[in-house]
Amino acid sequence: MSVLGVWMWPQSVRIHGAQRVAARCSRAGITDICFLTKGLAGTTSHLSRIAPHCCERDLLRELIDAAHPLGIRVHAWLTSASDEHYKLLHPHSGRCHYTRGKDKGLISLTDAGYQAYMQNVIAELCREYEIDGLHLDYIRYNHLLYGWAEEDVSRYAAAGADPARLRRLMDDTFLGDAPDALRIFDAFRAGDASALALARARRADVTGFASALIAPARAAKEDLIISAALMPEGAYDDTAFSDLHYGQNYDDAAALYDCALPMAYSKAYEKDSSWVRAVADGTLRRGLRTIMGLHAYEGGTGPSLQEDADALCGAAVDGICLFREGAFAMAFSTGRELCLCNTLDAPITAIRADESDSLITPANPILPGTEARVALPHVPHTLRIYTDKAEACVWLTRR
């Protein structure tokens, strides 16, 4: 596997400085950083003339200038169809909940004004920053309960759905005294014409929105790497959940993106590493260049992260990407000596090298933003770390 990536929030660069962040990423062998350039609030970590900024510094510029000399690629990560700032200014652009209306900072995937706005943001990024890639997140519906404005239902009808039939299916699935969580999904699996048309229309909304965002990037930089974070259910043989809930179909994605990053967060799904491998295999079957997104945040551990990575050995994936930098510690092992870099927001108070070993308690807690050297009884295969509160996740690099 040639790619070892991380998703990174702007606060890492803002608090610790780009040089320091890039240096520790380089030590860990990280090749690619997906840097949150425009987040859910709609603010940017670069000094855009179009969108509001998250702070007074140009954090994207700082990271590019620090990472590129170390050979690390930087991808501009955009939470594409979630934008609280734009929704506040343009309430009509919101994505409509089945019963609650336009209640969140979600934007309709078919809103022409927002598509044009995002095209301008992306064109500006490509023109003024030496980004290596454009990484699209939230490039989907968030749930089947969203996407129910009158114009949405009209679009579903134009695709062949009977609106009254859709309402009955939705009510039976989500509302009433005894809702049936599988009702509309079973209808899709049984070939129900309205359920199938609904899925086709939502898929078309997602591909249309994605195509609109990709177009200015392709026009500006032909060699730009276009990638997307995808929900893992699209890799399953049964696509009812992904097609209806998200409108995110992996066959569609294969025609849109240079590579896909399925978010196979095993602990969030209460799955093991064999599931991670199955998601990888399902993604590859769709003809997608695949970089697996792995669970490296709260709930994950050093062993669980290592098991998820090991499960991909022999698979034709291009690499892995860890979610997220700042939520897992970085450890560097040279023989029996361990250098532990604490990128967490809590002190590391104990370490365990492999399952059968005794707990090691450093003389002093390893504070956030610092690192310490620890002698180990042997060269570790896995590592566990603990804060005062709980076990935390760690990525172990062996030298």
Protein backbone atom coordinates (compact mmCIF):
# COMPACT_ATOMS: atom_id res chain seq x y z
CA MET A 1 0.00 0.00 0.00
CA SER A 2 1.47 3.30 -1.06
CA VAL A 3 -0.84 5.79 0.70
CA LEU A 4 -0.95 6.48 4.42
CA GLY A 5 -3.32 9.38 4.87
CA VAL A 6 -5.00 11.30 7.67
CA TRP A 7 -8.02 13.50 7.90
CA MET A 8 -7.05 16.67 9.77
CA TRP A 9 -9.06 19.47 11.38
CA PRO A 10 -7.77 23.08 11.18
CA GLN A 11 -7.34 23.30 14.95
CA SER A 12 -4.22 21.10 14.71
CA VAL A 13 -2.41 23.69 12.61
CA ARG A 14 -3.90 26.62 14.50
CA ILE A 15 -2.82 25.30 17.92
CA HIS A 16 0.40 23.40 17.20
CA GLY A 17 1.70 25.12 14.06
CA ALA A 18 2.03 23.72 10.57
CA GLN A 19 5.75 22.94 10.80
CA ARG A 20 5.30 20.83 13.91
CA VAL A 21 2.23 19.03 12.58
CA ALA A 22 3.85 18.28 9.22
CA ALA A 23 7.06 17.06 10.88
CA ARG A 24 5.30 14.51 13.08
CA CYS A 25 3.20 13.34 10.13
CA SER A 26 6.38 12.85 8.13
CA ARG A 27 7.93 10.82 10.97
CA ALA A 28 4.87 8.56 10.93
CA GLY A 29 5.22 7.98 7.20
CA ILE A 30 2.08 9.89 6.29
CA THR A 31 1.91 10.65 2.57
CA ASP A 32 -1.40 12.52 2.29
CA ILE A 33 -3.36 14.95 4.46
CA CYS A 34 -7.05 15.64 3.85
CA PHE A 35 -7.23 19.08 5.46
CA LEU A 36 -10.65 20.43 6.42
CA THR A 37 -10.79 23.50 4.22
CA LYS A 38 -14.51 24.22 4.42
CA GLY A 39 -16.49 22.65 7.24
CA LEU A 40 -20.06 22.24 8.44
CA ALA A 41 -20.27 25.83 9.66
CA GLY A 42 -19.49 27.01 6.13
CA THR A 43 -16.31 28.76 7.21
CA THR A 44 -12.97 28.16 5.51
CA SER A 45 -9.44 27.56 6.77
CA HIS A 46 -8.05 29.52 3.83
CA LEU A 47 -8.47 33.24 3.23
CA SER A 48 -11.30 32.99 0.76
CA ARG A 49 -12.78 36.11 -0.79
CA ILE A 50 -16.04 34.22 -1.25
CA ALA A 51 -16.72 32.32 1.98
CA PRO A 52 -16.20 33.47 5.60
CA HIS A 53 -13.01 32.40 7.43
CA CYS A 54 -12.69 30.26 10.54
CA CYS A 55 -9.87 32.46 11.86
CA GLU A 56 -7.59 35.30 10.80
CA ARG A 57 -4.78 33.00 9.64
CA ASP A 58 -4.42 31.22 6.31
CA LEU A 59 -4.11 27.74 7.78
CA LEU A 60 -4.26 25.97 4.43
CA ARG A 61 -1.35 28.04 3.10
CA GLU A 62 0.65 27.34 6.26
CA LEU A 63 0.10 23.59 5.93
CA ILE A 64 0.93 23.46 2.22
CA ASP A 65 4.16 25.39 2.79
CA ALA A 66 5.16 23.00 5.60
CA ALA A 67 3.99 19.71 4.07
CA HIS A 68 5.14 19.98 0.46
CA PRO A 69 8.89 20.19 1.24
CA LEU A 70 8.46 16.93 3.17
CA GLY A 71 6.80 15.22 0.21
CA ILE A 72 3.33 15.17 1.79
CA ARG A 73 0.35 15.82 -0.47
CA VAL A 74 -2.42 18.15 0.76
CA HIS A 75 -6.04 17.61 -0.28
CA ALA A 76 -8.65 20.32 0.30
CA TRP A 77 -11.42 18.56 2.26
CA LEU A 78 -14.89 20.08 1.84
CA THR A 79 -18.06 19.07 3.71
CA SER A 80 -19.87 19.65 0.48
CA ALA A 81 -23.60 19.97 1.13
CA SER A 82 -23.62 21.13 4.75
CA ASP A 83 -23.17 24.86 5.23
CA GLU A 84 -24.73 26.66 8.19
CA HIS A 85 -23.53 30.09 7.00
CA TYR A 86 -25.05 29.77 3.53
CA LYS A 87 -28.29 28.31 4.93
CA LEU A 88 -28.63 31.29 7.29
CA LEU A 89 -28.30 33.72 4.38
CA HIS A 90 -30.43 31.64 2.01
CA PRO A 91 -33.06 29.76 4.07
CA HIS A 92 -34.86 28.59 0.92
CA SER A 93 -31.76 26.53 -0.02
CA GLY A 94 -32.19 24.15 2.91
CA ARG A 95 -32.75 20.41 2.66
CA CYS A 96 -36.25 19.52 3.83
CA HIS A 97 -36.98 16.95 6.55
CA TYR A 98 -40.02 14.72 6.04
CA THR A 99 -41.88 16.23 9.01
CA ARG A 100 -39.75 19.08 10.42
CA GLY A 101 -39.02 21.14 7.31
CA LYS A 102 -35.65 22.81 6.65
CA ASP A 103 -34.37 22.40 10.18
CA LYS A 104 -30.58 22.08 9.94
CA GLY A 105 -27.61 23.58 8.11
CA LEU A 106 -28.07 21.08 5.29
CA ILE A 107 -28.36 22.36 1.73
CA SER A 108 -30.52 20.90 -1.00
CA LEU A 109 -28.35 19.01 -3.46
CA THR A 110 -30.30 20.53 -6.34
CA ASP A 111 -30.10 24.17 -5.24
CA ALA A 112 -28.60 25.98 -8.25
CA GLY A 113 -27.45 28.96 -6.21
CA TYR A 114 -25.45 26.82 -3.82
CA GLN A 115 -23.94 24.80 -6.64
CA ALA A 116 -22.71 28.03 -8.24
CA TYR A 117 -21.38 29.24 -4.88
CA MET A 118 -19.44 26.03 -4.33
CA GLN A 119 -18.09 26.11 -7.88
CA ASN A 120 -16.68 29.57 -7.19
CA VAL A 121 -15.13 28.43 -3.88
CA ILE A 122 -13.49 25.46 -5.60
CA ALA A 123 -12.27 27.50 -8.58
CA GLU A 124 -10.68 29.98 -6.17
CA LEU A 125 -8.98 27.15 -4.25
CA CYS A 126 -7.55 25.60 -7.39
CA ARG A 127 -6.41 28.95 -8.74
CA GLU A 128 -4.68 30.30 -5.64
CA TYR A 129 -3.44 27.23 -3.73
CA GLU A 130 -1.13 24.38 -4.75
CA ILE A 131 -3.50 21.71 -3.50
CA ASP A 132 -2.84 18.16 -4.67
CA GLY A 133 -6.41 17.00 -4.41
CA LEU A 134 -10.03 17.90 -3.82
CA HIS A 135 -11.69 15.68 -1.21
CA LEU A 136 -15.49 15.78 -1.10
CA ASP A 137 -17.31 14.75 2.07
CA TYR A 138 -21.06 14.71 2.81
CA ILE A 139 -21.50 14.25 -0.93
CA ARG A 140 -24.83 12.52 -0.33
CA TYR A 141 -28.16 12.71 1.38
CA ASN A 142 -27.72 12.30 5.12
CA HIS A 143 -30.86 10.21 5.71
CA LEU A 144 -33.99 9.09 3.89
CA LEU A 145 -36.00 11.48 6.09
CA TYR A 146 -34.33 14.40 4.27
CA GLY A 147 -35.20 15.52 0.76
CA TRP A 148 -38.95 16.04 0.96
CA ALA A 149 -39.70 19.57 -0.21
CA GLU A 150 -42.47 19.86 -2.81
CA GLU A 151 -39.91 20.23 -5.58
CA ASP A 152 -38.15 17.06 -4.35
CA VAL A 153 -41.35 15.03 -4.48
CA SER A 154 -42.08 16.41 -7.96
CA ARG A 155 -38.64 15.24 -9.05
CA TYR A 156 -39.27 11.78 -7.62
CA ALA A 157 -42.57 11.64 -9.49
CA ALA A 158 -40.86 12.63 -12.74
CA ALA A 159 -38.52 9.67 -12.22
CA GLY A 160 -41.53 7.34 -12.07
CA ALA A 161 -42.59 7.30 -8.41
CA ASP A 162 -46.19 7.55 -7.22
CA PRO A 163 -46.10 10.30 -4.54
CA ALA A 164 -49.01 8.76 -2.62
CA ARG A 165 -47.26 5.39 -2.59
CA LEU A 166 -44.05 7.02 -1.36
CA ARG A 167 -45.93 8.73 1.46
CA ARG A 168 -47.44 5.43 2.58
CA LEU A 169 -44.06 3.71 2.51
CA MET A 170 -42.41 6.54 4.44
CA ASP A 171 -45.18 6.69 7.02
CA ASP A 172 -45.08 2.93 7.50
CA THR A 173 -41.28 3.01 7.88
CA PHE A 174 -40.79 5.98 10.18
CA LEU A 175 -44.11 7.18 11.64
CA GLY A 176 -47.21 5.84 13.30
CA ASP A 177 -47.81 3.70 16.36
CA ALA A 178 -45.86 0.70 15.01
CA PRO A 179 -43.35 1.84 12.38
CA ASP A 180 -41.53 -0.84 10.40
CA ALA A 181 -37.90 0.20 9.95
CA LEU A 182 -37.50 -2.06 6.91
CA ARG A 183 -40.74 -1.27 5.08
CA ILE A 184 -39.46 0.96 2.28
CA PHE A 185 -36.18 -0.94 2.03
CA ASP A 186 -37.99 -4.25 1.61
CA ALA A 187 -40.14 -2.61 -1.05
CA PHE A 188 -36.99 -1.58 -2.91
CA ARG A 189 -35.62 -5.13 -2.67
CA ALA A 190 -38.91 -6.53 -3.96
CA GLY A 191 -38.76 -4.29 -7.03
CA ASP A 192 -41.45 -1.78 -6.00
CA ALA A 193 -41.62 0.77 -8.83
CA SER A 194 -41.96 3.81 -6.57
CA ALA A 195 -39.13 2.78 -4.24
CA LEU A 196 -36.84 2.11 -7.20
CA ALA A 197 -37.72 5.46 -8.80
CA LEU A 198 -37.04 7.26 -5.51
CA ALA A 199 -33.58 5.70 -5.36
CA ARG A 200 -32.86 6.59 -9.01
CA ALA A 201 -33.85 10.20 -8.42
CA ARG A 202 -31.77 10.56 -5.26
CA ARG A 203 -28.77 8.98 -7.02
CA ALA A 204 -29.21 11.47 -9.86
CA ASP A 205 -29.30 14.34 -7.34
CA VAL A 206 -26.01 13.19 -5.80
CA THR A 207 -24.22 12.61 -9.11
CA GLY A 208 -25.48 15.94 -10.46
CA PHE A 209 -24.24 17.81 -7.41
CA ALA A 210 -20.89 16.00 -7.42
CA SER A 211 -20.42 16.63 -11.15
CA ALA A 212 -21.09 20.34 -10.65
CA LEU A 213 -18.38 20.55 -7.95
CA ILE A 214 -15.86 18.48 -9.88
CA ALA A 215 -16.17 20.49 -13.11
CA PRO A 216 -14.27 23.64 -12.03
CA ALA A 217 -11.57 21.53 -10.38
CA ARG A 218 -10.99 19.51 -13.54
CA ALA A 219 -10.98 22.67 -15.63
CA ALA A 220 -8.39 24.34 -13.39
CA LYS A 221 -6.05 21.37 -12.77
CA GLU A 222 -6.25 18.28 -14.93
CA ASP A 223 -3.95 16.30 -12.62
CA LEU A 224 -5.84 17.15 -9.42
CA ILE A 225 -6.79 14.04 -7.43
CA ILE A 226 -10.58 14.04 -6.99
CA SER A 227 -11.67 11.83 -4.10
CA ALA A 228 -14.74 11.33 -1.94
CA ALA A 229 -15.46 10.00 1.54
CA LEU A 230 -18.17 7.38 1.05
CA MET A 231 -20.53 5.69 3.48
CA PRO A 232 -19.48 2.01 3.70
CA GLU A 233 -22.94 0.56 2.97
CA GLY A 234 -22.45 1.28 -0.73
CA ALA A 235 -19.90 -1.55 -0.83
CA TYR A 236 -22.52 -4.13 0.17
CA ASP A 237 -24.18 -6.42 -2.37
CA ASP A 238 -27.53 -5.18 -1.06
CA THR A 239 -27.64 -1.48 -2.00
CA ALA A 240 -31.12 -0.68 -0.64
CA PHE A 241 -29.75 1.22 2.37
CA SER A 242 -27.14 3.25 0.47
CA ASP A 243 -29.30 4.01 -2.56
CA LEU A 244 -32.33 5.15 -0.56
CA HIS A 245 -30.78 6.75 2.51
CA TYR A 246 -27.81 8.39 0.83
CA GLY A 247 -28.35 8.31 -2.94
CA GLN A 248 -24.70 7.30 -2.90
CA ASN A 249 -24.08 4.38 -5.23
CA TYR A 250 -20.57 3.01 -5.73
CA ASP A 251 -21.13 2.34 -9.44
CA ASP A 252 -21.94 6.04 -9.84
CA ALA A 253 -18.88 6.93 -7.76
CA ALA A 254 -16.61 4.92 -10.05
CA ALA A 255 -17.48 7.29 -12.90
CA LEU A 256 -16.98 10.43 -10.80
CA TYR A 257 -13.88 10.12 -8.63
CA ASP A 258 -10.23 9.20 -9.04
CA CYS A 259 -10.39 7.34 -5.74
CA ALA A 260 -12.86 6.50 -3.00
CA LEU A 261 -12.33 6.54 0.75
CA PRO A 262 -14.99 4.27 2.28
CA MET A 263 -15.41 5.28 5.91
CA ALA A 264 -15.05 1.76 7.36
CA TYR A 265 -15.08 2.88 10.98
CA SER A 266 -15.30 -0.56 12.54
CA LYS A 267 -16.03 0.38 16.15
CA ALA A 268 -18.70 2.92 15.17
CA TYR A 269 -20.49 0.10 13.34
CA GLU A 270 -19.73 -2.44 16.07
CA LYS A 271 -17.87 -4.55 13.50
CA ASP A 272 -14.51 -6.30 13.43
CA SER A 273 -11.64 -6.21 10.97
CA SER A 274 -13.22 -8.84 8.70
CA TRP A 275 -15.96 -6.29 7.96
CA VAL A 276 -13.31 -3.73 7.01
CA ARG A 277 -11.89 -6.23 4.52
CA ALA A 278 -15.38 -6.97 3.15
CA VAL A 279 -16.01 -3.25 2.58
CA ALA A 280 -12.66 -3.00 0.79
CA ASP A 281 -13.46 -5.98 -1.42
CA GLY A 282 -16.93 -4.61 -2.24
CA THR A 283 -15.49 -1.23 -3.18
CA LEU A 284 -12.82 -2.76 -5.39
CA ARG A 285 -15.46 -4.85 -7.20
CA ARG A 286 -17.05 -1.59 -8.36
CA GLY A 287 -13.83 -0.61 -10.14
CA LEU A 288 -12.94 2.12 -7.67
CA ARG A 289 -9.38 2.94 -6.73
CA THR A 290 -9.70 2.44 -2.98
CA ILE A 291 -8.08 4.02 0.07
CA MET A 292 -9.71 2.65 3.21
CA GLY A 293 -10.81 5.05 5.91
CA LEU A 294 -10.08 3.47 9.30
CA HIS A 295 -11.38 4.13 12.82
CA ALA A 296 -8.66 6.07 14.66
CA TYR A 297 -10.69 8.12 17.11
CA GLU A 298 -12.66 7.61 20.33
CA GLY A 299 -13.71 3.98 20.60
CA GLY A 300 -10.73 2.73 18.64
CA THR A 301 -7.56 1.37 20.23
CA GLY A 302 -4.04 0.62 19.11
CA PRO A 303 -4.82 -3.09 18.60
CA SER A 304 -8.15 -2.48 16.84
CA LEU A 305 -6.52 -0.02 14.44
CA GLN A 306 -3.66 -2.43 13.77
CA GLU A 307 -6.12 -5.29 13.17
CA ASP A 308 -8.12 -3.20 10.71
CA ALA A 309 -4.94 -2.29 8.81
CA ASP A 310 -3.64 -5.87 8.87
CA ALA A 311 -6.94 -7.16 7.47
CA LEU A 312 -6.20 -5.28 4.25
CA CYS A 313 -2.97 -7.16 3.57
CA GLY A 314 -3.30 -8.80 0.16
CA ALA A 315 -6.19 -6.57 -0.90
CA ALA A 316 -5.61 -4.40 -3.96
CA VAL A 317 -6.23 -1.18 -2.06
CA ASP A 318 -3.96 1.81 -2.59
CA GLY A 319 -3.64 2.50 1.12
CA ILE A 320 -5.42 3.65 4.25
CA CYS A 321 -6.53 6.97 5.71
CA LEU A 322 -6.92 7.47 9.47
CA PHE A 323 -9.77 9.47 10.97
CA ARG A 324 -8.51 11.61 12.41
CA GLU A 325 -5.20 13.32 13.24
CA GLY A 326 -5.43 14.74 16.75
CA ALA A 327 -7.74 11.96 17.92
CA PHE A 328 -5.01 9.30 18.06
CA ALA A 329 -1.50 9.43 19.45
CA MET A 330 1.55 8.67 17.31
CA ALA A 331 4.16 6.22 18.54
CA PHE A 332 7.55 5.54 16.98
CA SER A 333 9.32 2.32 17.91
CA THR A 334 13.06 1.81 17.39
CA GLY A 335 13.68 -1.63 18.80
CA ARG A 336 12.68 -1.62 22.46
CA GLU A 337 12.63 2.16 22.76
CA LEU A 338 9.36 3.94 22.14
CA CYS A 339 8.87 7.60 21.38
CA LEU A 340 5.27 8.50 22.16
CA CYS A 341 3.90 11.75 20.75
CA ASN A 342 0.74 12.87 22.49
CA THR A 343 -1.53 14.59 19.95
CA LEU A 344 -4.60 14.07 22.17
CA ASP A 345 -6.28 16.64 24.40
CA ALA A 346 -5.62 14.62 27.60
CA PRO A 347 -2.41 13.40 29.29
CA ILE A 348 -1.26 9.85 28.57
CA THR A 349 -0.81 8.13 31.92
CA ALA A 350 -0.11 4.47 31.08
CA ILE A 351 1.10 2.21 28.25
CA ARG A 352 0.89 -1.49 27.51
CA ALA A 353 3.11 -3.13 24.88
CA ASP A 354 1.18 -6.18 23.62
CA GLU A 355 -1.63 -7.90 25.50
CA SER A 356 0.30 -10.05 27.95
CA ASP A 357 2.64 -7.32 29.20
CA SER A 358 2.34 -5.40 32.41
CA LEU A 359 1.11 -1.84 32.44
CA ILE A 360 3.90 0.75 32.15
CA THR A 361 3.38 3.99 34.04
CA PRO A 362 5.65 6.86 32.93
CA ALA A 363 7.32 8.83 35.72
CA ASN A 364 5.31 11.85 34.57
CA PRO A 365 2.12 11.94 32.50
CA ILE A 366 2.80 12.71 28.84
CA LEU A 367 1.01 16.01 28.39
CA PRO A 368 -0.91 17.06 25.28
CA GLY A 369 1.42 18.42 22.61
CA THR A 370 4.51 16.79 24.13
CA GLU A 371 6.40 13.56 23.55
CA ALA A 372 8.40 11.21 25.73
CA ARG A 373 10.71 8.21 25.36
CA VAL A 374 9.72 4.99 27.08
CA ALA A 375 11.75 1.78 27.46
CA LEU A 376 9.77 -1.35 26.53
CA PRO A 377 10.43 -4.98 27.53
CA HIS A 378 10.56 -6.03 23.85
CA VAL A 379 9.79 -4.82 20.33
CA PRO A 380 6.00 -4.36 20.35
CA HIS A 381 3.56 -5.64 17.75
CA THR A 382 0.69 -3.61 19.17
CA LEU A 383 0.42 -0.83 21.70
CA ARG A 384 -2.25 0.30 24.13
CA ILE A 385 -2.31 3.75 25.71
CA TYR A 386 -4.47 5.16 28.48
CA THR A 387 -5.46 8.58 29.73
CA ASP A 388 -6.97 9.23 33.14
CA LYS A 389 -10.38 8.81 31.54
CA ALA A 390 -10.14 5.83 29.21
CA GLU A 391 -8.11 3.89 26.67
CA ALA A 392 -7.22 5.96 23.62
CA CYS A 393 -6.21 5.15 20.08
CA VAL A 394 -2.58 5.10 18.90
CA TRP A 395 -0.84 4.52 15.58
CA LEU A 396 2.45 2.63 15.92
CA THR A 397 5.24 3.23 13.40
CA ARG A 398 8.18 0.82 13.54
CA ARG A 399 11.64 1.87 12.43
